[in-house]
Amino acid sequence: FQNHLEAWETKTMFLSSVNSIVDDDDFRAIVSMGIDAVPFIKEELTRNPSTLVWALNFIFNKKIS
């Protein structure tokens, strides 16, 4: 998880295109971890709010707010 997160953040930190952010291979790898990624995502969002929250939308197949 951490390797994908760091790579994704590095590649997308200056992007404004939602499609580019969520179509990134590392973002998709995090999403593909499914429910196993949720505790890591929650921990990361507690420390650093970010667009990583969008991964929850894909994992649960609904909008998480």
N, C-alpha and C. Protein backbone atom coordinates (compact mmCIF):
# COMPACT_ATOMS: atom_id res chain seq x y z
N PHE A 1 0.82 -1.20 0.00
CA PHE A 1 0.00 0.00 0.00
C PHE A 1 0.86 1.25 0.00
N GLN A 2 1.79 1.31 0.92
CA GLN A 2 2.60 2.51 1.08
C GLN A 2 3.40 2.85 -0.17
N ASN A 3 3.96 1.85 -0.82
CA ASN A 3 4.71 2.10 -2.06
C ASN A 3 3.82 2.68 -3.15
N HIS A 4 2.62 2.12 -3.29
CA HIS A 4 1.68 2.62 -4.30
C HIS A 4 1.23 4.04 -3.93
N LEU A 5 0.97 4.26 -2.67
CA LEU A 5 0.53 5.59 -2.23
C LEU A 5 1.59 6.64 -2.55
N GLU A 6 2.83 6.37 -2.17
CA GLU A 6 3.89 7.34 -2.40
C GLU A 6 4.12 7.59 -3.90
N ALA A 7 4.08 6.55 -4.70
CA ALA A 7 4.26 6.71 -6.15
C ALA A 7 3.10 7.51 -6.73
N TRP A 8 1.88 7.20 -6.31
CA TRP A 8 0.69 7.89 -6.80
C TRP A 8 0.74 9.37 -6.43
N GLU A 9 1.08 9.67 -5.18
CA GLU A 9 1.16 11.06 -4.75
C GLU A 9 2.20 11.83 -5.55
N THR A 10 3.34 11.23 -5.77
CA THR A 10 4.42 11.88 -6.51
C THR A 10 3.99 12.20 -7.94
N LYS A 11 3.32 11.23 -8.57
CA LYS A 11 2.94 11.41 -9.98
C LYS A 11 1.74 12.34 -10.17
N THR A 12 0.88 12.46 -9.16
CA THR A 12 -0.37 13.19 -9.36
C THR A 12 -0.51 14.46 -8.54
N MET A 13 0.49 14.80 -7.75
CA MET A 13 0.33 15.92 -6.81
C MET A 13 0.01 17.25 -7.48
N PHE A 14 0.39 17.44 -8.72
CA PHE A 14 0.13 18.71 -9.39
C PHE A 14 -0.93 18.59 -10.49
N LEU A 15 -1.60 17.47 -10.56
CA LEU A 15 -2.63 17.28 -11.57
C LEU A 15 -3.97 17.83 -11.10
N SER A 16 -4.73 18.38 -12.03
CA SER A 16 -6.07 18.84 -11.69
C SER A 16 -7.15 17.97 -12.33
N SER A 17 -6.75 17.13 -13.25
CA SER A 17 -7.70 16.26 -13.95
C SER A 17 -8.05 15.04 -13.07
N VAL A 18 -9.32 14.95 -12.71
CA VAL A 18 -9.78 13.81 -11.91
C VAL A 18 -9.49 12.51 -12.63
N ASN A 19 -9.74 12.47 -13.92
CA ASN A 19 -9.49 11.25 -14.69
C ASN A 19 -8.03 10.82 -14.62
N SER A 20 -7.12 11.77 -14.74
CA SER A 20 -5.70 11.44 -14.66
C SER A 20 -5.32 10.92 -13.28
N ILE A 21 -5.93 11.48 -12.26
CA ILE A 21 -5.63 11.08 -10.89
C ILE A 21 -6.12 9.67 -10.61
N VAL A 22 -7.33 9.35 -11.00
CA VAL A 22 -7.89 8.03 -10.70
C VAL A 22 -7.53 6.95 -11.71
N ASP A 23 -7.03 7.36 -12.87
CA ASP A 23 -6.60 6.38 -13.87
C ASP A 23 -5.14 5.96 -13.70
N ASP A 24 -4.48 6.55 -12.73
CA ASP A 24 -3.08 6.22 -12.47
C ASP A 24 -2.96 4.76 -12.03
N ASP A 25 -1.92 4.08 -12.48
CA ASP A 25 -1.72 2.66 -12.16
C ASP A 25 -1.60 2.40 -10.66
N ASP A 26 -0.94 3.30 -9.95
CA ASP A 26 -0.79 3.09 -8.50
C ASP A 26 -2.10 3.30 -7.76
N PHE A 27 -2.91 4.26 -8.20
CA PHE A 27 -4.23 4.45 -7.60
C PHE A 27 -5.07 3.20 -7.84
N ARG A 28 -5.03 2.69 -9.05
CA ARG A 28 -5.79 1.48 -9.38
C ARG A 28 -5.31 0.27 -8.56
N ALA A 29 -4.00 0.22 -8.29
CA ALA A 29 -3.46 -0.87 -7.47
C ALA A 29 -4.00 -0.78 -6.04
N ILE A 30 -4.12 0.43 -5.52
CA ILE A 30 -4.69 0.61 -4.18
C ILE A 30 -6.14 0.16 -4.18
N VAL A 31 -6.90 0.60 -5.17
CA VAL A 31 -8.31 0.21 -5.27
C VAL A 31 -8.44 -1.31 -5.42
N SER A 32 -7.55 -1.92 -6.17
CA SER A 32 -7.64 -3.37 -6.39
C SER A 32 -7.37 -4.17 -5.11
N MET A 33 -6.77 -3.53 -4.12
CA MET A 33 -6.58 -4.20 -2.82
C MET A 33 -7.93 -4.40 -2.12
N GLY A 34 -8.93 -3.64 -2.56
CA GLY A 34 -10.27 -3.78 -2.01
C GLY A 34 -10.36 -3.43 -0.54
N ILE A 35 -11.19 -4.16 0.15
CA ILE A 35 -11.47 -3.90 1.56
C ILE A 35 -10.21 -3.95 2.42
N ASP A 36 -9.21 -4.69 1.99
CA ASP A 36 -7.95 -4.76 2.75
C ASP A 36 -7.24 -3.41 2.80
N ALA A 37 -7.49 -2.55 1.83
CA ALA A 37 -6.85 -1.24 1.80
C ALA A 37 -7.53 -0.23 2.69
N VAL A 38 -8.77 -0.48 3.08
CA VAL A 38 -9.56 0.52 3.81
C VAL A 38 -8.89 1.00 5.10
N PRO A 39 -8.39 0.13 5.96
CA PRO A 39 -7.74 0.65 7.18
C PRO A 39 -6.54 1.55 6.87
N PHE A 40 -5.78 1.22 5.84
CA PHE A 40 -4.63 2.03 5.45
C PHE A 40 -5.09 3.39 4.90
N ILE A 41 -6.15 3.36 4.11
CA ILE A 41 -6.70 4.60 3.56
C ILE A 41 -7.21 5.48 4.69
N LYS A 42 -7.96 4.91 5.62
CA LYS A 42 -8.49 5.68 6.74
C LYS A 42 -7.36 6.30 7.56
N GLU A 43 -6.33 5.54 7.82
CA GLU A 43 -5.20 6.05 8.59
C GLU A 43 -4.52 7.21 7.86
N GLU A 44 -4.33 7.05 6.57
CA GLU A 44 -3.68 8.08 5.77
C GLU A 44 -4.54 9.35 5.73
N LEU A 45 -5.84 9.19 5.56
CA LEU A 45 -6.73 10.35 5.50
C LEU A 45 -6.80 11.09 6.83
N THR A 46 -6.63 10.37 7.93
CA THR A 46 -6.60 11.01 9.24
C THR A 46 -5.38 11.92 9.35
N ARG A 47 -4.26 11.46 8.82
CA ARG A 47 -3.03 12.25 8.87
C ARG A 47 -2.99 13.33 7.81
N ASN A 48 -3.52 13.02 6.63
CA ASN A 48 -3.36 13.92 5.49
C ASN A 48 -4.58 13.83 4.57
N PRO A 49 -5.58 14.66 4.77
CA PRO A 49 -6.75 14.64 3.88
C PRO A 49 -6.30 14.84 2.42
N SER A 50 -6.84 14.02 1.54
CA SER A 50 -6.43 14.11 0.14
C SER A 50 -7.48 13.46 -0.76
N THR A 51 -7.18 13.47 -2.03
CA THR A 51 -8.07 12.84 -3.01
C THR A 51 -8.02 11.32 -2.91
N LEU A 52 -7.19 10.80 -2.03
CA LEU A 52 -7.17 9.36 -1.79
C LEU A 52 -8.55 8.87 -1.34
N VAL A 53 -9.34 9.75 -0.78
CA VAL A 53 -10.69 9.38 -0.36
C VAL A 53 -11.50 8.82 -1.52
N TRP A 54 -11.16 9.22 -2.72
CA TRP A 54 -11.87 8.70 -3.89
C TRP A 54 -11.71 7.20 -4.04
N ALA A 55 -10.63 6.65 -3.53
CA ALA A 55 -10.44 5.20 -3.60
C ALA A 55 -11.57 4.47 -2.88
N LEU A 56 -12.07 5.06 -1.80
CA LEU A 56 -13.19 4.44 -1.07
C LEU A 56 -14.43 4.37 -1.94
N ASN A 57 -14.65 5.39 -2.76
CA ASN A 57 -15.80 5.37 -3.67
C ASN A 57 -15.74 4.18 -4.61
N PHE A 58 -14.54 3.90 -5.12
CA PHE A 58 -14.38 2.78 -6.04
C PHE A 58 -14.47 1.44 -5.30
N ILE A 59 -13.89 1.36 -4.12
CA ILE A 59 -13.90 0.10 -3.37
C ILE A 59 -15.32 -0.27 -2.97
N PHE A 60 -16.10 0.71 -2.51
CA PHE A 60 -17.46 0.43 -2.04
C PHE A 60 -18.52 0.65 -3.11
N ASN A 61 -18.08 1.10 -4.29
CA ASN A 61 -18.98 1.32 -5.42
C ASN A 61 -20.14 2.26 -5.08
N LYS A 62 -19.82 3.28 -4.28
CA LYS A 62 -20.79 4.35 -3.99
C LYS A 62 -20.03 5.55 -3.48
N LYS A 63 -20.70 6.70 -3.48
CA LYS A 63 -20.04 7.92 -3.04
C LYS A 63 -19.93 7.95 -1.52
N ILE A 64 -18.71 8.08 -1.06
CA ILE A 64 -18.43 8.17 0.37
C ILE A 64 -18.20 9.64 0.67
N SER A 65 -18.91 10.14 1.67
CA SER A 65 -18.72 11.55 2.02
C SER A 65 -18.34 11.69 3.47
